[in-house]
N, C-alpha and C. Protein backbone atom coordinates (compact mmCIF):
# COMPACT_ATOMS: atom_id res chain seq x y z
N UNK A 1 -15.90 -64.33 74.52
CA UNK A 1 -16.93 -64.43 73.59
C UNK A 1 -17.55 -63.07 73.25
N UNK A 2 -17.29 -62.05 74.06
CA UNK A 2 -17.77 -60.73 73.78
C UNK A 2 -17.37 -60.23 72.44
N UNK A 3 -16.07 -60.50 72.04
CA UNK A 3 -15.62 -60.16 70.78
C UNK A 3 -16.36 -60.73 69.66
N UNK A 4 -16.75 -61.96 69.83
CA UNK A 4 -17.55 -62.71 68.77
C UNK A 4 -18.87 -62.07 68.58
N UNK A 5 -19.58 -61.71 69.74
CA UNK A 5 -20.84 -61.02 69.57
C UNK A 5 -20.72 -59.69 68.92
N UNK A 6 -19.69 -58.91 69.20
CA UNK A 6 -19.37 -57.67 68.52
C UNK A 6 -19.22 -57.80 67.05
N UNK A 7 -18.38 -58.81 66.72
CA UNK A 7 -18.05 -59.06 65.25
C UNK A 7 -19.38 -59.46 64.53
N UNK A 8 -20.16 -60.28 65.17
CA UNK A 8 -21.42 -60.70 64.52
C UNK A 8 -22.36 -59.45 64.34
N UNK A 9 -22.46 -58.63 65.29
CA UNK A 9 -23.23 -57.36 65.18
C UNK A 9 -22.66 -56.54 64.07
N UNK A 10 -21.38 -56.37 64.01
CA UNK A 10 -20.75 -55.52 62.96
C UNK A 10 -21.01 -56.15 61.61
N UNK A 11 -20.96 -57.45 61.48
CA UNK A 11 -21.22 -58.15 60.23
C UNK A 11 -22.64 -57.82 59.79
N UNK A 12 -23.60 -58.01 60.69
CA UNK A 12 -24.92 -57.77 60.34
C UNK A 12 -25.25 -56.33 59.96
N UNK A 13 -24.47 -55.36 60.62
CA UNK A 13 -24.59 -53.94 60.28
C UNK A 13 -24.03 -53.66 58.81
N UNK A 14 -22.93 -54.32 58.59
CA UNK A 14 -22.35 -54.13 57.23
C UNK A 14 -23.27 -54.69 56.16
N UNK A 15 -23.80 -55.86 56.41
CA UNK A 15 -24.72 -56.48 55.46
C UNK A 15 -25.98 -55.54 55.23
N UNK A 16 -26.57 -55.05 56.32
CA UNK A 16 -27.74 -54.21 56.24
C UNK A 16 -27.35 -52.97 55.41
N UNK A 17 -26.31 -52.31 55.67
CA UNK A 17 -25.83 -51.11 54.96
C UNK A 17 -25.77 -51.49 53.47
N UNK A 18 -25.09 -52.58 53.06
CA UNK A 18 -24.98 -52.93 51.68
C UNK A 18 -26.33 -53.25 51.02
N UNK A 19 -27.17 -54.00 51.68
CA UNK A 19 -28.51 -54.35 51.24
C UNK A 19 -29.36 -53.13 51.00
N UNK A 20 -29.22 -52.09 51.87
CA UNK A 20 -29.93 -50.89 51.73
C UNK A 20 -29.19 -49.85 50.82
N UNK A 21 -28.20 -50.27 50.16
CA UNK A 21 -27.45 -49.47 49.19
C UNK A 21 -26.87 -48.20 49.82
N UNK A 22 -26.46 -48.35 51.09
CA UNK A 22 -25.85 -47.23 51.85
C UNK A 22 -24.39 -47.14 51.58
N UNK A 23 -23.77 -48.29 51.16
CA UNK A 23 -22.37 -48.41 50.84
C UNK A 23 -22.20 -49.15 49.53
N UNK A 24 -21.04 -48.85 48.86
CA UNK A 24 -20.83 -49.46 47.50
C UNK A 24 -20.30 -50.91 47.76
N UNK A 25 -20.23 -51.60 46.57
CA UNK A 25 -19.70 -53.00 46.59
C UNK A 25 -18.25 -53.01 47.12
N UNK A 26 -17.44 -51.97 46.65
CA UNK A 26 -16.08 -51.90 47.07
C UNK A 26 -15.96 -51.65 48.61
N UNK A 27 -16.83 -50.71 49.11
CA UNK A 27 -16.77 -50.43 50.51
C UNK A 27 -17.20 -51.68 51.37
N UNK A 28 -18.21 -52.43 50.82
CA UNK A 28 -18.76 -53.61 51.44
C UNK A 28 -17.57 -54.61 51.56
N UNK A 29 -16.83 -54.81 50.47
CA UNK A 29 -15.76 -55.85 50.37
C UNK A 29 -14.65 -55.41 51.37
N UNK A 30 -14.31 -54.14 51.35
CA UNK A 30 -13.21 -53.67 52.23
C UNK A 30 -13.63 -53.76 53.71
N UNK A 31 -14.91 -53.50 54.06
CA UNK A 31 -15.31 -53.61 55.43
C UNK A 31 -15.34 -55.10 55.83
N UNK A 32 -15.78 -56.02 54.94
CA UNK A 32 -15.74 -57.49 55.27
C UNK A 32 -14.25 -57.89 55.46
N UNK A 33 -13.32 -57.45 54.60
CA UNK A 33 -11.97 -57.84 54.80
C UNK A 33 -11.38 -57.38 56.08
N UNK A 34 -11.80 -56.15 56.45
CA UNK A 34 -11.33 -55.60 57.74
C UNK A 34 -11.91 -56.46 58.91
N UNK A 35 -13.17 -56.87 58.83
CA UNK A 35 -13.72 -57.70 59.76
C UNK A 35 -13.02 -59.08 59.87
N UNK A 36 -12.59 -59.64 58.79
CA UNK A 36 -11.91 -60.91 58.75
C UNK A 36 -10.57 -60.75 59.48
N UNK A 37 -9.87 -59.66 59.23
CA UNK A 37 -8.55 -59.38 59.98
C UNK A 37 -8.77 -59.31 61.41
N UNK A 38 -9.83 -58.56 61.81
CA UNK A 38 -10.21 -58.36 63.23
C UNK A 38 -10.40 -59.77 63.87
N UNK A 39 -11.10 -60.65 63.09
CA UNK A 39 -11.42 -61.99 63.66
C UNK A 39 -10.10 -62.72 63.92
N UNK A 40 -9.24 -62.68 62.97
CA UNK A 40 -7.96 -63.46 63.13
C UNK A 40 -7.20 -62.90 64.28
N UNK A 41 -7.12 -61.57 64.44
CA UNK A 41 -6.37 -60.96 65.56
C UNK A 41 -7.05 -61.43 66.84
N UNK A 42 -8.38 -61.44 66.98
CA UNK A 42 -9.13 -61.78 68.18
C UNK A 42 -8.81 -63.24 68.57
N UNK A 43 -8.84 -64.12 67.53
CA UNK A 43 -8.63 -65.52 67.71
C UNK A 43 -7.20 -65.74 68.24
N UNK A 44 -6.29 -65.01 67.64
CA UNK A 44 -4.86 -65.20 68.00
C UNK A 44 -4.63 -64.75 69.44
N UNK A 45 -5.28 -63.65 69.86
CA UNK A 45 -5.18 -63.16 71.20
C UNK A 45 -5.76 -64.12 72.25
N UNK A 46 -6.89 -64.71 71.87
CA UNK A 46 -7.55 -65.73 72.72
C UNK A 46 -6.70 -66.95 72.78
N UNK A 47 -6.09 -67.35 71.78
CA UNK A 47 -5.18 -68.59 71.69
C UNK A 47 -3.92 -68.23 72.57
N UNK A 48 -3.40 -67.08 72.44
CA UNK A 48 -2.22 -66.69 73.32
C UNK A 48 -2.63 -66.77 74.81
N UNK A 49 -3.84 -66.26 75.13
CA UNK A 49 -4.23 -66.29 76.54
C UNK A 49 -4.29 -67.75 77.01
N UNK A 50 -4.94 -68.59 76.22
CA UNK A 50 -5.09 -70.05 76.60
C UNK A 50 -3.63 -70.68 76.74
N UNK A 51 -2.77 -70.35 75.88
CA UNK A 51 -1.41 -70.88 76.01
C UNK A 51 -0.75 -70.47 77.24
N UNK A 52 -0.94 -69.15 77.61
CA UNK A 52 -0.26 -68.62 78.85
C UNK A 52 -0.88 -69.37 80.05
N UNK A 53 -2.20 -69.55 80.07
CA UNK A 53 -2.81 -70.26 81.18
C UNK A 53 -2.40 -71.74 81.27
N UNK A 54 -2.25 -72.35 80.16
CA UNK A 54 -1.72 -73.72 80.12
C UNK A 54 -0.22 -73.74 80.65
N UNK A 55 0.54 -72.80 80.22
CA UNK A 55 1.92 -72.72 80.71
C UNK A 55 1.96 -72.56 82.17
N UNK A 56 1.13 -71.73 82.74
CA UNK A 56 1.05 -71.57 84.14
C UNK A 56 0.72 -72.88 84.92
N UNK A 57 -0.21 -73.62 84.32
CA UNK A 57 -0.63 -74.83 84.98
C UNK A 57 0.54 -75.86 84.88
N UNK A 58 1.22 -75.94 83.79
CA UNK A 58 2.32 -76.84 83.63
C UNK A 58 3.44 -76.48 84.59
N UNK A 59 3.80 -75.19 84.71
CA UNK A 59 4.77 -74.77 85.62
C UNK A 59 4.40 -75.18 87.06
N UNK A 60 3.14 -74.92 87.39
CA UNK A 60 2.76 -75.22 88.74
C UNK A 60 2.81 -76.70 89.04
N UNK A 61 2.39 -77.56 88.07
CA UNK A 61 2.52 -78.97 88.24
C UNK A 61 3.93 -79.44 88.37
N UNK A 62 4.83 -78.88 87.61
CA UNK A 62 6.26 -79.23 87.69
C UNK A 62 6.80 -78.83 89.11
N UNK A 63 6.41 -77.65 89.65
CA UNK A 63 6.78 -77.27 90.98
C UNK A 63 6.30 -78.22 92.03
N UNK A 64 5.09 -78.68 91.92
CA UNK A 64 4.50 -79.59 92.87
C UNK A 64 5.26 -80.89 92.85
N UNK A 65 5.47 -81.48 91.58
CA UNK A 65 6.18 -82.73 91.46
C UNK A 65 7.58 -82.60 91.97
N UNK A 66 8.29 -81.48 91.78
CA UNK A 66 9.63 -81.26 92.20
C UNK A 66 9.69 -81.26 93.79
N UNK A 67 8.74 -80.69 94.36
CA UNK A 67 8.70 -80.65 95.88
C UNK A 67 8.45 -82.04 96.49
N UNK A 68 7.63 -82.89 95.74
CA UNK A 68 7.37 -84.18 96.24
C UNK A 68 8.50 -85.12 96.05
N UNK A 69 9.19 -84.96 94.91
CA UNK A 69 10.25 -85.92 94.58
C UNK A 69 11.46 -85.80 95.49
């Protein structure tokens, strides 16, 4: 969840800069698009980690069942 907090902070900073006319509309859009890409990468990394953990649990369960059978 730390990545989510960082992305929320970055989003708020981007919005603040745009509202204060510190960045142009084009820069604002580009920064938001970059943040969207970062979110997708973060979600995919988290999903991959969950799949790896699930795979380990399945493998362990198969091993236990194989020893019992």
